[in-house]
Amino acid sequence: MIGKTTRLARLFRGDGKSVVIALDHAQFKGPINGLESMSAAVQQAAAGGADGVILNPGALEDCVSHYAGRCALVLRITGASTDGNPTFDYHRSIATVKRAAALGADAVIAMGFLGGPGEAASLALLAKLAADSERWGMPLVAEMLIADPARFNDIPSIARGARVAYELGADVVKVYGAGDPAFAEVPRGCPLPVLIAGGAGAEDPVAVARGAMRSGAAGVAFGRTVFGARDPVAVVRALVAAVHGAEGGSCDRKA
């Protein structure tokens, strides 16, 4: 479909790779460190050369002048839950694909949960959004999470989730687990571009990105390891270098 092809070309460079900066955390966690000003966070991502940013719908008006014409917009369209909710895998629709198209999104992103009581509802919603995305020529990024904390980084579970996203009609998948030497199992079993999530760990995100690229990932979708850094622009530049083939340095993160 021409619409999907056009939008994906704005998210992924000619090498088929992408550096996406996830700035959607405040809908879940509130004004956390580094996201006090959404416009500043987006400006830093764009200044570092990010290929895309993930935003919630309400942040667009404050941020559009910083991402428009500079990097792709990936709009979060599921949420409706905070970290005060004891049910981890509760997500519902917060925007339609039609609204995302009207807002100028280059892709939409939605959660899919495996292994918990919310699995069936989240996967049914993901399938519906895949159908809506096809209708509107909008790429769908499926962020697949394992509901059981004990298996959150379990590679076979993550590989299953990535494949489920493909089978339900997603165009791109975002997953955790990149620091595991067995991560190559994930892109090997999923015929979609795989973006790796960063999390809040202490590992150097540039080193993690390099390892993931060697394992067959198509890029990164990092958030806290970028906007929580002392110099977010430098971190983004290093990630761009690591993902797109040049040498990138390590980064100096805030404690």
C-alpha atoms as a PDB file:
ATOM      1  CA  MET A   1       0.000   0.000   0.000  1.00  0.00           C
ATOM      2  CA  ILE A   2       1.383   3.397  -1.026  1.00  0.00           C
ATOM      3  CA  GLY A   3       0.472   5.108   2.250  1.00  0.00           C
ATOM      4  CA  LYS A   4       2.334   2.583   4.381  1.00  0.00           C
ATOM      5  CA  THR A   5       5.323   2.570   2.039  1.00  0.00           C
ATOM      6  CA  THR A   6       5.549   6.365   2.117  1.00  0.00           C
ATOM      7  CA  ARG A   7       5.261   6.590   5.883  1.00  0.00           C
ATOM      8  CA  LEU A   8       7.703   3.750   6.573  1.00  0.00           C
ATOM      9  CA  ALA A   9      10.260   5.502   4.340  1.00  0.00           C
ATOM     10  CA  ARG A  10      10.097   8.464   6.711  1.00  0.00           C
ATOM     11  CA  LEU A  11      10.678   6.224   9.733  1.00  0.00           C
ATOM     12  CA  PHE A  12      13.358   3.942   8.282  1.00  0.00           C
ATOM     13  CA  ARG A  13      16.270   5.280   6.259  1.00  0.00           C
ATOM     14  CA  GLY A  14      17.386   3.780   2.973  1.00  0.00           C
ATOM     15  CA  ASP A  15      19.467   1.236   4.904  1.00  0.00           C
ATOM     16  CA  GLY A  16      16.272  -0.132   6.466  1.00  0.00           C
ATOM     17  CA  LYS A  17      17.304   0.973   9.964  1.00  0.00           C
ATOM     18  CA  SER A  18      15.903   3.471  12.426  1.00  0.00           C
ATOM     19  CA  VAL A  19      16.690   5.283  15.676  1.00  0.00           C
ATOM     20  CA  VAL A  20      13.450   6.114  17.467  1.00  0.00           C
ATOM     21  CA  ILE A  21      13.319   8.002  20.744  1.00  0.00           C
ATOM     22  CA  ALA A  22      10.424   6.977  22.988  1.00  0.00           C
ATOM     23  CA  LEU A  23       9.021  10.022  24.790  1.00  0.00           C
ATOM     24  CA  ASP A  24       5.624   8.601  25.772  1.00  0.00           C
ATOM     25  CA  HIS A  25       6.414   7.586  29.356  1.00  0.00           C
ATOM     26  CA  ALA A  26       4.659  10.458  31.165  1.00  0.00           C
ATOM     27  CA  GLN A  27       1.180   9.113  30.365  1.00  0.00           C
ATOM     28  CA  PHE A  28       2.138   6.116  32.507  1.00  0.00           C
ATOM     29  CA  LYS A  29       4.521   7.642  35.045  1.00  0.00           C
ATOM     30  CA  GLY A  30       3.766  11.373  35.143  1.00  0.00           C
ATOM     31  CA  PRO A  31       6.430  14.124  34.799  1.00  0.00           C
ATOM     32  CA  ILE A  32       9.527  11.982  35.263  1.00  0.00           C
ATOM     33  CA  ASN A  33      13.084  13.301  35.086  1.00  0.00           C
ATOM     34  CA  GLY A  34      13.910  14.409  31.560  1.00  0.00           C
ATOM     35  CA  LEU A  35      10.305  14.808  30.429  1.00  0.00           C
ATOM     36  CA  GLU A  36       9.351  17.893  32.417  1.00  0.00           C
ATOM     37  CA  SER A  37       9.295  19.761  29.100  1.00  0.00           C
ATOM     38  CA  MET A  38       8.093  17.681  26.177  1.00  0.00           C
ATOM     39  CA  SER A  39       9.096  20.309  23.640  1.00  0.00           C
ATOM     40  CA  ALA A  40      12.667  20.317  24.997  1.00  0.00           C
ATOM     41  CA  ALA A  41      12.845  16.507  24.905  1.00  0.00           C
ATOM     42  CA  VAL A  42      11.654  16.376  21.285  1.00  0.00           C
ATOM     43  CA  GLN A  43      14.006  19.182  20.303  1.00  0.00           C
ATOM     44  CA  GLN A  44      16.948  17.225  21.748  1.00  0.00           C
ATOM     45  CA  ALA A  45      15.947  14.040  19.916  1.00  0.00           C
ATOM     46  CA  ALA A  46      15.678  15.880  16.606  1.00  0.00           C
ATOM     47  CA  ALA A  47      18.942  17.748  17.174  1.00  0.00           C
ATOM     48  CA  GLY A  48      20.726  14.431  17.660  1.00  0.00           C
ATOM     49  CA  GLY A  49      19.461  13.124  14.318  1.00  0.00           C
ATOM     50  CA  ALA A  50      16.759  10.704  15.496  1.00  0.00           C
ATOM     51  CA  ASP A  51      14.715   9.104  12.740  1.00  0.00           C
ATOM     52  CA  GLY A  52      11.520   9.196  14.790  1.00  0.00           C
ATOM     53  CA  VAL A  53       9.919  10.055  18.129  1.00  0.00           C
ATOM     54  CA  ILE A  54       7.119   8.299  20.013  1.00  0.00           C
ATOM     55  CA  LEU A  55       4.601  10.722  21.496  1.00  0.00           C
ATOM     56  CA  ASN A  56       1.179  10.675  23.112  1.00  0.00           C
ATOM     57  CA  PRO A  57      -1.581  12.645  21.344  1.00  0.00           C
ATOM     58  CA  GLY A  58      -1.745  15.462  23.892  1.00  0.00           C
ATOM     59  CA  ALA A  59       1.930  16.388  23.459  1.00  0.00           C
ATOM     60  CA  LEU A  60       1.764  17.086  19.741  1.00  0.00           C
ATOM     61  CA  GLU A  61       0.720  20.721  19.813  1.00  0.00           C
ATOM     62  CA  ASP A  62       3.664  21.678  22.038  1.00  0.00           C
ATOM     63  CA  CYS A  63       6.137  19.599  20.028  1.00  0.00           C
ATOM     64  CA  VAL A  64       5.133  19.791  16.364  1.00  0.00           C
ATOM     65  CA  SER A  65       7.524  22.605  15.477  1.00  0.00           C
ATOM     66  CA  HIS A  66      10.436  20.472  16.705  1.00  0.00           C
ATOM     67  CA  TYR A  67       9.693  17.186  14.913  1.00  0.00           C
ATOM     68  CA  ALA A  68       7.817  18.248  11.761  1.00  0.00           C
ATOM     69  CA  GLY A  69      10.105  17.946   8.753  1.00  0.00           C
ATOM     70  CA  ARG A  70      12.924  16.621  10.947  1.00  0.00           C
ATOM     71  CA  CYS A  71      11.890  13.179  12.170  1.00  0.00           C
ATOM     72  CA  ALA A  72       8.936  10.831  11.886  1.00  0.00           C
ATOM     73  CA  LEU A  73       6.035  10.883  14.340  1.00  0.00           C
ATOM     74  CA  VAL A  74       5.058   7.552  15.905  1.00  0.00           C
ATOM     75  CA  LEU A  75       1.814   8.184  17.780  1.00  0.00           C
ATOM     76  CA  ARG A  76       0.916   6.167  20.861  1.00  0.00           C
ATOM     77  CA  ILE A  77      -2.720   5.043  20.487  1.00  0.00           C
ATOM     78  CA  THR A  78      -3.097   2.646  23.425  1.00  0.00           C
ATOM     79  CA  GLY A  79      -2.687   3.478  27.095  1.00  0.00           C
ATOM     80  CA  ALA A  80      -5.337   4.546  29.637  1.00  0.00           C
ATOM     81  CA  SER A  81      -3.320   3.053  32.478  1.00  0.00           C
ATOM     82  CA  THR A  82      -0.704   4.383  34.920  1.00  0.00           C
ATOM     83  CA  ASP A  83       1.900   2.786  37.140  1.00  0.00           C
ATOM     84  CA  GLY A  84      -0.607   3.188  39.968  1.00  0.00           C
ATOM     85  CA  ASN A  85      -2.784   0.523  38.365  1.00  0.00           C
ATOM     86  CA  PRO A  86      -2.043  -2.902  39.908  1.00  0.00           C
ATOM     87  CA  THR A  87      -3.032  -4.567  36.612  1.00  0.00           C
ATOM     88  CA  PHE A  88       0.129  -4.296  34.509  1.00  0.00           C
ATOM     89  CA  ASP A  89      -1.435  -5.483  31.276  1.00  0.00           C
ATOM     90  CA  TYR A  90      -4.397  -3.110  31.233  1.00  0.00           C
ATOM     91  CA  HIS A  91      -4.304  -1.021  28.050  1.00  0.00           C
ATOM     92  CA  ARG A  92      -7.155   0.433  26.047  1.00  0.00           C
ATOM     93  CA  SER A  93      -7.460   2.615  22.966  1.00  0.00           C
ATOM     94  CA  ILE A  94      -6.641   6.312  23.556  1.00  0.00           C
ATOM     95  CA  ALA A  95      -6.793   7.431  19.903  1.00  0.00           C
ATOM     96  CA  THR A  96      -8.028   6.011  16.632  1.00  0.00           C
ATOM     97  CA  VAL A  97      -5.910   5.341  13.572  1.00  0.00           C
ATOM     98  CA  LYS A  98      -8.103   7.840  11.727  1.00  0.00           C
ATOM     99  CA  ARG A  99      -7.209  10.531  14.262  1.00  0.00           C
ATOM    100  CA  ALA A 100      -3.535   9.594  13.972  1.00  0.00           C
ATOM    101  CA  ALA A 101      -3.725  10.102  10.210  1.00  0.00           C
ATOM    102  CA  ALA A 102      -5.397  13.493  10.725  1.00  0.00           C
ATOM    103  CA  LEU A 103      -2.633  14.467  13.161  1.00  0.00           C
ATOM    104  CA  GLY A 104       0.046  13.675  10.577  1.00  0.00           C
ATOM    105  CA  ALA A 105       1.444  10.505  12.151  1.00  0.00           C
ATOM    106  CA  ASP A 106       3.921   8.407  10.192  1.00  0.00           C
ATOM    107  CA  ALA A 107       3.098   5.322  12.293  1.00  0.00           C
ATOM    108  CA  VAL A 108       1.042   4.307  15.311  1.00  0.00           C
ATOM    109  CA  ILE A 109       2.195   2.218  18.250  1.00  0.00           C
ATOM    110  CA  ALA A 110       0.100  -0.085  20.418  1.00  0.00           C
ATOM    111  CA  MET A 111       0.827  -2.525  23.238  1.00  0.00           C
ATOM    112  CA  GLY A 112       0.407  -6.274  23.115  1.00  0.00           C
ATOM    113  CA  PHE A 113       0.693  -8.294  26.344  1.00  0.00           C
ATOM    114  CA  LEU A 114       1.454 -12.001  26.647  1.00  0.00           C
ATOM    115  CA  GLY A 115       1.017 -14.368  29.549  1.00  0.00           C
ATOM    116  CA  GLY A 116      -1.334 -12.427  31.807  1.00  0.00           C
ATOM    117  CA  PRO A 117      -5.076 -11.916  32.301  1.00  0.00           C
ATOM    118  CA  GLY A 118      -5.056  -9.004  29.848  1.00  0.00           C
ATOM    119  CA  GLU A 119      -3.550 -11.025  26.993  1.00  0.00           C
ATOM    120  CA  ALA A 120      -6.750 -11.790  25.052  1.00  0.00           C
ATOM    121  CA  ALA A 121      -8.073  -8.211  25.203  1.00  0.00           C
ATOM    122  CA  SER A 122      -4.762  -6.661  24.195  1.00  0.00           C
ATOM    123  CA  LEU A 123      -4.207  -9.035  21.282  1.00  0.00           C
ATOM    124  CA  ALA A 124      -7.773  -8.584  20.044  1.00  0.00           C
ATOM    125  CA  LEU A 125      -7.267  -4.823  20.144  1.00  0.00           C
ATOM    126  CA  LEU A 126      -3.949  -5.204  18.329  1.00  0.00           C
ATOM    127  CA  ALA A 127      -5.645  -7.184  15.548  1.00  0.00           C
ATOM    128  CA  LYS A 128      -8.375  -4.541  15.239  1.00  0.00           C
ATOM    129  CA  LEU A 129      -5.801  -1.758  15.054  1.00  0.00           C
ATOM    130  CA  ALA A 130      -3.906  -3.698  12.381  1.00  0.00           C
ATOM    131  CA  ALA A 131      -7.072  -3.790  10.266  1.00  0.00           C
ATOM    132  CA  ASP A 132      -7.714  -0.076  10.867  1.00  0.00           C
ATOM    133  CA  SER A 133      -4.091   0.720   9.998  1.00  0.00           C
ATOM    134  CA  GLU A 134      -4.397  -1.166   6.725  1.00  0.00           C
ATOM    135  CA  ARG A 135      -7.485   0.853   5.862  1.00  0.00           C
ATOM    136  CA  TRP A 136      -5.711   4.161   6.485  1.00  0.00           C
ATOM    137  CA  GLY A 137      -2.314   3.225   5.021  1.00  0.00           C
ATOM    138  CA  MET A 138      -0.740   3.630   8.459  1.00  0.00           C
ATOM    139  CA  PRO A 139       2.155   1.452   9.698  1.00  0.00           C
ATOM    140  CA  LEU A 140       1.468  -0.253  13.035  1.00  0.00           C
ATOM    141  CA  VAL A 141       4.256  -0.747  15.560  1.00  0.00           C
ATOM    142  CA  ALA A 142       3.391  -3.469  18.072  1.00  0.00           C
ATOM    143  CA  GLU A 143       5.169  -3.135  21.414  1.00  0.00           C
ATOM    144  CA  MET A 144       5.081  -6.652  22.831  1.00  0.00           C
ATOM    145  CA  LEU A 145       5.523  -7.108  26.582  1.00  0.00           C
ATOM    146  CA  ILE A 146       5.594 -10.194  28.782  1.00  0.00           C
ATOM    147  CA  ALA A 147       3.178  -9.716  31.681  1.00  0.00           C
ATOM    148  CA  ASP A 148       4.992 -12.079  34.064  1.00  0.00           C
ATOM    149  CA  PRO A 149       7.873 -10.085  35.671  1.00  0.00           C
ATOM    150  CA  ALA A 150       9.884 -13.290  36.047  1.00  0.00           C
ATOM    151  CA  ARG A 151       9.834 -13.803  32.254  1.00  0.00           C
ATOM    152  CA  PHE A 152       9.950 -10.162  31.163  1.00  0.00           C
ATOM    153  CA  ASN A 153      13.346 -10.646  29.472  1.00  0.00           C
ATOM    154  CA  ASP A 154      12.911 -14.319  28.580  1.00  0.00           C
ATOM    155  CA  ILE A 155      14.020 -14.657  24.953  1.00  0.00           C
ATOM    156  CA  PRO A 156      11.681 -17.519  23.915  1.00  0.00           C
ATOM    157  CA  SER A 157       8.728 -15.546  25.320  1.00  0.00           C
ATOM    158  CA  ILE A 158       9.863 -12.372  23.544  1.00  0.00           C
ATOM    159  CA  ALA A 159      10.340 -14.289  20.291  1.00  0.00           C
ATOM    160  CA  ARG A 160       6.808 -15.653  20.633  1.00  0.00           C
ATOM    161  CA  GLY A 161       5.473 -12.150  21.179  1.00  0.00           C
ATOM    162  CA  ALA A 162       7.263 -10.787  18.128  1.00  0.00           C
ATOM    163  CA  ARG A 163       5.879 -13.567  15.966  1.00  0.00           C
ATOM    164  CA  VAL A 164       2.372 -13.012  17.344  1.00  0.00           C
ATOM    165  CA  ALA A 165       2.646  -9.345  16.302  1.00  0.00           C
ATOM    166  CA  TYR A 166       3.525 -10.410  12.775  1.00  0.00           C
ATOM    167  CA  GLU A 167       0.679 -12.913  12.622  1.00  0.00           C
ATOM    168  CA  LEU A 168      -1.837 -10.279  13.788  1.00  0.00           C
ATOM    169  CA  GLY A 169      -0.827  -7.816  11.068  1.00  0.00           C
ATOM    170  CA  ALA A 170       1.707  -5.434  12.621  1.00  0.00           C
ATOM    171  CA  ASP A 171       4.323  -3.798  10.391  1.00  0.00           C
ATOM    172  CA  VAL A 172       7.079  -3.248  12.976  1.00  0.00           C
ATOM    173  CA  VAL A 173       7.675  -4.785  16.395  1.00  0.00           C
ATOM    174  CA  LYS A 174       9.285  -3.279  19.492  1.00  0.00           C
ATOM    175  CA  VAL A 175      10.619  -5.643  22.166  1.00  0.00           C
ATOM    176  CA  TYR A 176      12.966  -5.912  25.131  1.00  0.00           C
ATOM    177  CA  GLY A 177      15.719  -8.480  25.644  1.00  0.00           C
ATOM    178  CA  ALA A 178      18.476  -7.081  23.437  1.00  0.00           C
ATOM    179  CA  GLY A 179      21.203  -7.545  26.034  1.00  0.00           C
ATOM    180  CA  ASP A 180      20.807 -11.337  25.916  1.00  0.00           C
ATOM    181  CA  PRO A 181      23.312 -13.199  23.704  1.00  0.00           C
ATOM    182  CA  ALA A 182      20.394 -15.280  22.389  1.00  0.00           C
ATOM    183  CA  PHE A 183      18.501 -12.219  21.118  1.00  0.00           C
ATOM    184  CA  ALA A 184      19.135 -13.232  17.481  1.00  0.00           C
ATOM    185  CA  GLU A 185      16.329 -15.758  17.983  1.00  0.00           C
ATOM    186  CA  VAL A 186      13.830 -12.863  17.981  1.00  0.00           C
ATOM    187  CA  PRO A 187      14.463 -11.310  14.531  1.00  0.00           C
ATOM    188  CA  ARG A 188      15.151 -14.777  13.099  1.00  0.00           C
ATOM    189  CA  GLY A 189      11.595 -15.836  13.917  1.00  0.00           C
ATOM    190  CA  CYS A 190       9.833 -12.595  12.985  1.00  0.00           C
ATOM    191  CA  PRO A 191       9.629 -11.349   9.369  1.00  0.00           C
ATOM    192  CA  LEU A 192       9.226  -7.732  10.534  1.00  0.00           C
ATOM    193  CA  PRO A 193      11.688  -4.963  11.376  1.00  0.00           C
ATOM    194  CA  VAL A 194      12.529  -5.404  15.064  1.00  0.00           C
ATOM    195  CA  LEU A 195      13.204  -2.314  17.178  1.00  0.00           C
ATOM    196  CA  ILE A 196      14.724  -2.887  20.590  1.00  0.00           C
ATOM    197  CA  ALA A 197      13.509  -1.141  23.733  1.00  0.00           C
ATOM    198  CA  GLY A 198      16.045   0.172  26.218  1.00  0.00           C
ATOM    199  CA  GLY A 199      14.480   0.126  29.661  1.00  0.00           C
ATOM    200  CA  ALA A 200      16.002   1.827  32.685  1.00  0.00           C
ATOM    201  CA  GLY A 201      19.075  -0.372  33.130  1.00  0.00           C
ATOM    202  CA  ALA A 202      22.591   0.880  33.791  1.00  0.00           C
ATOM    203  CA  GLU A 203      24.062  -0.635  30.629  1.00  0.00           C
ATOM    204  CA  ASP A 204      25.562   1.667  28.027  1.00  0.00           C
ATOM    205  CA  PRO A 205      22.716   2.052  25.495  1.00  0.00           C
ATOM    206  CA  VAL A 206      25.171   2.449  22.620  1.00  0.00           C
ATOM    207  CA  ALA A 207      26.824  -0.877  23.421  1.00  0.00           C
ATOM    208  CA  VAL A 208      23.384  -2.486  23.714  1.00  0.00           C
ATOM    209  CA  ALA A 209      22.395  -1.019  20.351  1.00  0.00           C
ATOM    210  CA  ARG A 210      25.537  -2.332  18.659  1.00  0.00           C
ATOM    211  CA  GLY A 211      24.957  -5.804  20.035  1.00  0.00           C
ATOM    212  CA  ALA A 212      21.335  -5.778  18.922  1.00  0.00           C
ATOM    213  CA  MET A 213      22.275  -4.683  15.416  1.00  0.00           C
ATOM    214  CA  ARG A 214      24.751  -7.566  15.209  1.00  0.00           C
ATOM    215  CA  SER A 215      21.862  -9.853  16.219  1.00  0.00           C
ATOM    216  CA  GLY A 216      19.657  -8.692  13.357  1.00  0.00           C
ATOM    217  CA  ALA A 217      17.640  -5.844  14.860  1.00  0.00           C
ATOM    218  CA  ALA A 218      16.490  -3.037  12.565  1.00  0.00           C
ATOM    219  CA  GLY A 219      17.139  -0.326  15.108  1.00  0.00           C
ATOM    220  CA  VAL A 220      16.328   0.988  18.559  1.00  0.00           C
ATOM    221  CA  ALA A 221      13.403   2.635  20.314  1.00  0.00           C
ATOM    222  CA  PHE A 222      15.091   3.979  23.451  1.00  0.00           C
ATOM    223  CA  GLY A 223      13.559   6.344  25.981  1.00  0.00           C
ATOM    224  CA  ARG A 224      14.847   6.657  29.535  1.00  0.00           C
ATOM    225  CA  THR A 225      18.451   5.949  28.570  1.00  0.00           C
ATOM    226  CA  VAL A 226      18.220   8.985  26.280  1.00  0.00           C
ATOM    227  CA  PHE A 227      16.056  11.607  27.983  1.00  0.00           C
ATOM    228  CA  GLY A 228      17.570  10.651  31.364  1.00  0.00           C
ATOM    229  CA  ALA A 229      21.098  11.344  30.125  1.00  0.00           C
ATOM    230  CA  ARG A 230      23.284  14.314  31.015  1.00  0.00           C
ATOM    231  CA  ASP A 231      23.546  15.113  27.315  1.00  0.00           C
ATOM    232  CA  PRO A 232      20.608  13.579  25.423  1.00  0.00           C
ATOM    233  CA  VAL A 233      21.727  15.063  22.101  1.00  0.00           C
ATOM    234  CA  ALA A 234      25.101  13.331  22.350  1.00  0.00           C
ATOM    235  CA  VAL A 235      23.434  10.023  23.236  1.00  0.00           C
ATOM    236  CA  VAL A 236      21.137  10.228  20.213  1.00  0.00           C
ATOM    237  CA  ARG A 237      24.068  11.041  17.938  1.00  0.00           C
ATOM    238  CA  ALA A 238      25.981   8.034  19.253  1.00  0.00           C
ATOM    239  CA  LEU A 239      22.963   5.779  18.744  1.00  0.00           C
ATOM    240  CA  VAL A 240      22.524   7.059  15.183  1.00  0.00           C
ATOM    241  CA  ALA A 241      26.156   6.257  14.490  1.00  0.00           C
ATOM    242  CA  ALA A 242      25.858   2.777  16.015  1.00  0.00           C
ATOM    243  CA  VAL A 243      22.641   1.870  14.209  1.00  0.00           C
ATOM    244  CA  HIS A 244      23.435   3.353  10.822  1.00  0.00           C
ATOM    245  CA  GLY A 245      26.942   1.971  10.575  1.00  0.00           C
ATOM    246  CA  ALA A 246      29.453   4.539  11.792  1.00  0.00           C
ATOM    247  CA  GLU A 247      31.406   4.358  15.006  1.00  0.00           C
ATOM    248  CA  GLY A 248      29.605   5.890  17.979  1.00  0.00           C
ATOM    249  CA  GLY A 249      30.971   6.618  21.422  1.00  0.00           C
ATOM    250  CA  SER A 250      29.603   5.597  24.786  1.00  0.00           C
ATOM    251  CA  CYS A 251      27.479   8.080  26.707  1.00  0.00           C
ATOM    252  CA  ASP A 252      27.533   9.749  30.086  1.00  0.00           C
ATOM    253  CA  ARG A 253      24.184   9.192  31.788  1.00  0.00           C
ATOM    254  CA  LYS A 254      22.668  10.828  34.844  1.00  0.00           C
ATOM    255  CA  ALA A 255      22.680   8.780  37.998  1.00  0.00           C
END
